[in-house]
Amino acid sequence: VELAARKPALAARPGTSDHGWGTALDLCGGAESFGTAQHAWLAAHAPLTGWFHPSWAAATGTKPEPWHWAFGGR
């Protein structure tokens, strides 16, 4: 609630984030930037285990977030 109040463009409305359900995560270690080897590796391999980079989070998406990945199931 506090983050949504301070940074509404960054945080989801309270109670609407998939992070709390364990079906979304934010990564670092190179994956937080487009064009890195880490991000490319994730794009190639994450779908093998049910994870994906949402289209809205793509570099050309409505809210570019290279670090954000979601789980779609296997």
Protein backbone atom coordinates (compact mmCIF):
# COMPACT_ATOMS: atom_id res chain seq x y z
CA VAL A 1 0.00 0.00 0.00
CA GLU A 2 2.81 2.38 0.94
CA LEU A 3 4.78 1.74 -2.27
CA ALA A 4 1.67 2.17 -4.41
CA ALA A 5 1.04 5.52 -2.71
CA ARG A 6 4.65 6.71 -3.16
CA LYS A 7 5.27 5.31 -6.65
CA PRO A 8 1.95 4.62 -8.38
CA ALA A 9 3.55 4.22 -11.82
CA LEU A 10 5.85 1.49 -10.48
CA ALA A 11 3.68 -0.48 -8.06
CA ALA A 12 0.53 -2.44 -8.79
CA ARG A 13 -2.65 -1.53 -7.00
CA PRO A 14 -2.61 -3.28 -3.62
CA GLY A 15 -4.01 -6.79 -3.90
CA THR A 16 -3.59 -7.07 -7.69
CA SER A 17 0.05 -8.16 -8.07
CA ASP A 18 0.89 -11.72 -9.07
CA HIS A 19 4.07 -11.43 -7.00
CA GLY A 20 2.11 -12.23 -3.86
CA TRP A 21 0.84 -15.43 -5.42
CA GLY A 22 4.33 -16.56 -6.38
CA THR A 23 3.50 -16.39 -10.09
CA ALA A 24 5.66 -13.37 -10.90
CA LEU A 25 9.16 -12.33 -9.93
CA ASP A 26 11.63 -9.53 -10.54
CA LEU A 27 15.21 -10.53 -11.33
CA CYS A 28 18.61 -8.84 -11.20
CA GLY A 29 22.13 -10.06 -11.92
CA GLY A 30 22.02 -8.85 -15.51
CA ALA A 31 18.42 -9.87 -16.19
CA GLU A 32 17.23 -6.40 -15.15
CA SER A 33 18.43 -4.91 -18.45
CA PHE A 34 17.38 -5.54 -22.04
CA GLY A 35 20.16 -6.67 -24.38
CA THR A 36 22.23 -8.58 -21.82
CA ALA A 37 23.35 -12.19 -22.12
CA GLN A 38 21.35 -12.99 -18.98
CA HIS A 39 18.13 -11.55 -20.37
CA ALA A 40 18.65 -13.38 -23.67
CA TRP A 41 19.26 -16.64 -21.81
CA LEU A 42 16.05 -16.22 -19.84
CA ALA A 43 14.07 -15.44 -22.98
CA ALA A 44 15.34 -18.67 -24.52
CA HIS A 45 15.12 -20.96 -21.50
CA ALA A 46 12.46 -19.68 -19.09
CA PRO A 47 9.56 -20.96 -21.24
CA LEU A 48 10.90 -24.51 -20.82
CA THR A 49 9.77 -24.35 -17.19
CA GLY A 50 6.59 -22.31 -17.64
CA TRP A 51 8.04 -18.81 -17.13
CA PHE A 52 7.71 -16.01 -19.68
CA HIS A 53 8.38 -12.32 -20.16
CA PRO A 54 4.98 -10.63 -20.60
CA SER A 55 4.47 -8.59 -23.77
CA TRP A 56 3.60 -5.49 -21.75
CA ALA A 57 7.05 -5.75 -20.08
CA ALA A 58 8.93 -6.02 -23.40
CA ALA A 59 11.18 -3.19 -24.58
CA THR A 60 8.35 -2.11 -26.89
CA GLY A 61 5.60 -2.87 -24.37
CA THR A 62 3.36 -0.47 -22.51
CA LYS A 63 5.47 -0.69 -19.33
CA PRO A 64 8.98 -1.91 -20.20
CA GLU A 65 10.33 -4.00 -17.32
CA PRO A 66 13.14 -6.31 -18.39
CA TRP A 67 13.40 -7.67 -14.83
CA HIS A 68 9.77 -8.86 -14.60
CA TRP A 69 8.94 -12.51 -15.41
CA ALA A 70 5.68 -14.38 -14.93
CA PHE A 71 4.69 -18.01 -14.51
CA GLY A 72 2.12 -19.38 -16.94
CA GLY A 73 2.21 -23.00 -15.86
CA ARG A 74 3.61 -26.06 -17.54
